[in-house]
Protein backbone atom coordinates (compact mmCIF):
# COMPACT_ATOMS: atom_id res chain seq x y z
CA MET A 1 4.16 27.07 4.60
CA LEU A 2 6.89 24.57 3.71
CA ASN A 3 9.07 27.25 2.18
CA GLN A 4 9.37 28.90 5.62
CA ILE A 5 11.12 25.87 7.16
CA GLY A 6 14.79 26.64 7.53
CA LEU A 7 17.87 24.73 8.62
CA PRO A 8 17.29 25.20 12.38
CA GLU A 9 13.76 23.80 12.14
CA ILE A 10 14.92 20.79 10.12
CA LEU A 11 17.67 20.09 12.66
CA ILE A 12 15.19 20.25 15.53
CA ILE A 13 12.84 17.84 13.74
CA LEU A 14 15.71 15.42 13.04
CA LEU A 15 16.83 15.60 16.67
CA ILE A 16 13.31 14.77 17.90
CA VAL A 17 13.06 11.86 15.45
CA LEU A 18 16.47 10.61 16.61
CA LEU A 19 15.39 10.75 20.24
CA VAL A 20 12.08 9.00 19.59
CA PHE A 21 13.27 6.18 17.30
CA GLY A 22 16.96 5.84 18.14
CA ALA A 23 20.04 5.77 15.94
CA LYS A 24 19.66 2.12 14.92
CA ARG A 25 16.19 2.58 13.42
CA MET A 26 16.97 5.77 11.46
CA PRO A 27 18.32 3.97 8.32
CA GLU A 28 15.30 1.65 8.30
CA ILE A 29 12.90 4.58 8.55
CA GLY A 30 14.70 6.48 5.80
CA ALA A 31 14.72 3.46 3.49
CA SER A 32 11.04 2.74 4.01
CA MET A 33 10.12 6.38 3.45
CA GLY A 34 12.17 6.46 0.24
CA LYS A 35 10.59 3.25 -0.97
CA GLY A 36 7.11 4.60 -0.26
CA ILE A 37 7.80 7.84 -2.11
CA ARG A 38 9.17 5.93 -5.11
CA GLU A 39 6.10 3.67 -5.23
CA PHE A 40 3.81 6.70 -4.97
CA LYS A 41 5.56 8.47 -7.84
CA LYS A 42 5.55 5.29 -9.90
CA SER A 43 1.81 4.83 -9.42
CA LEU A 44 1.17 8.45 -10.37
CA THR A 45 3.15 8.16 -13.59
CA GLU A 46 1.49 4.85 -14.49
CA MET A 47 -1.94 6.30 -13.82
CA GLY A 48 -1.19 9.39 -15.88
CA SER A 49 0.19 7.41 -18.82
CA SER A 50 -2.75 4.99 -18.97
CA GLY A 51 -5.23 7.79 -19.55
CA SER A 52 -8.32 6.52 -17.83
CA SER A 53 -8.39 4.40 -14.71
CA LYS A 54 -11.63 2.74 -15.87
CA ASP A 55 -9.61 0.47 -18.18
CA GLU A 56 -7.62 -0.91 -15.24
CA ILE A 57 -10.65 -2.07 -13.26
CA GLU A 58 -11.38 -5.73 -13.82
CA PRO A 59 -15.06 -6.65 -13.78
CA THR A 60 -16.06 -8.96 -10.98
CA ARG A 61 -17.33 -12.43 -11.68
CA PRO A 62 -20.89 -13.27 -10.67
CA PHE A 63 -21.35 -15.67 -7.78
CA ASP A 64 -21.44 -19.28 -8.96
CA SER A 65 -23.66 -21.32 -6.66
CA THR A 66 -22.35 -24.63 -8.05
CA SER A 67 -18.83 -23.95 -6.76
CA THR A 68 -19.78 -23.94 -3.08
CA THR A 69 -18.34 -26.67 -0.87
CA THR A 70 -21.47 -27.28 1.19
CA THR A 71 -24.89 -28.54 0.30
CA THR A 72 -28.16 -27.13 1.54
CA THR A 73 -28.12 -29.59 4.44
CA GLY A 74 -24.90 -28.13 5.78
CA GLU A 75 -22.80 -31.22 5.04
CA PRO A 76 -19.62 -30.87 2.99
CA LYS A 77 -19.64 -32.09 -0.59
CA LYS A 78 -17.73 -35.26 -1.40
CA LEU A 79 -15.11 -34.89 -4.06
CA SER A 80 -15.32 -37.41 -6.87
CA GLN A 81 -12.05 -39.14 -7.70
C-alpha cells in the first residue's frame, strides 16, 4: 500500500498539512515527529538488546499501613520533632 504512494500524492498531503497547520508550525511538527520516531526506535533497540522485558519490571512494594498520615479517627497524625 505504501509503495504505491508517488510524488504527486506526497505533495498533495504536504499541501493539506500546510493549509491545516500553517507555515509557522511546520518545523515544530517535523521536529516533534522526528523526536518521537527516534525515541520509538531507541526503545525498540533497548528492548531487543535486553532480551526479556520481565527483568525490567520492578516489583511493587506492599502497602505499609504505618506510613499513612491519618489515624482511624480521621485526624491527621502529629509529627514528632
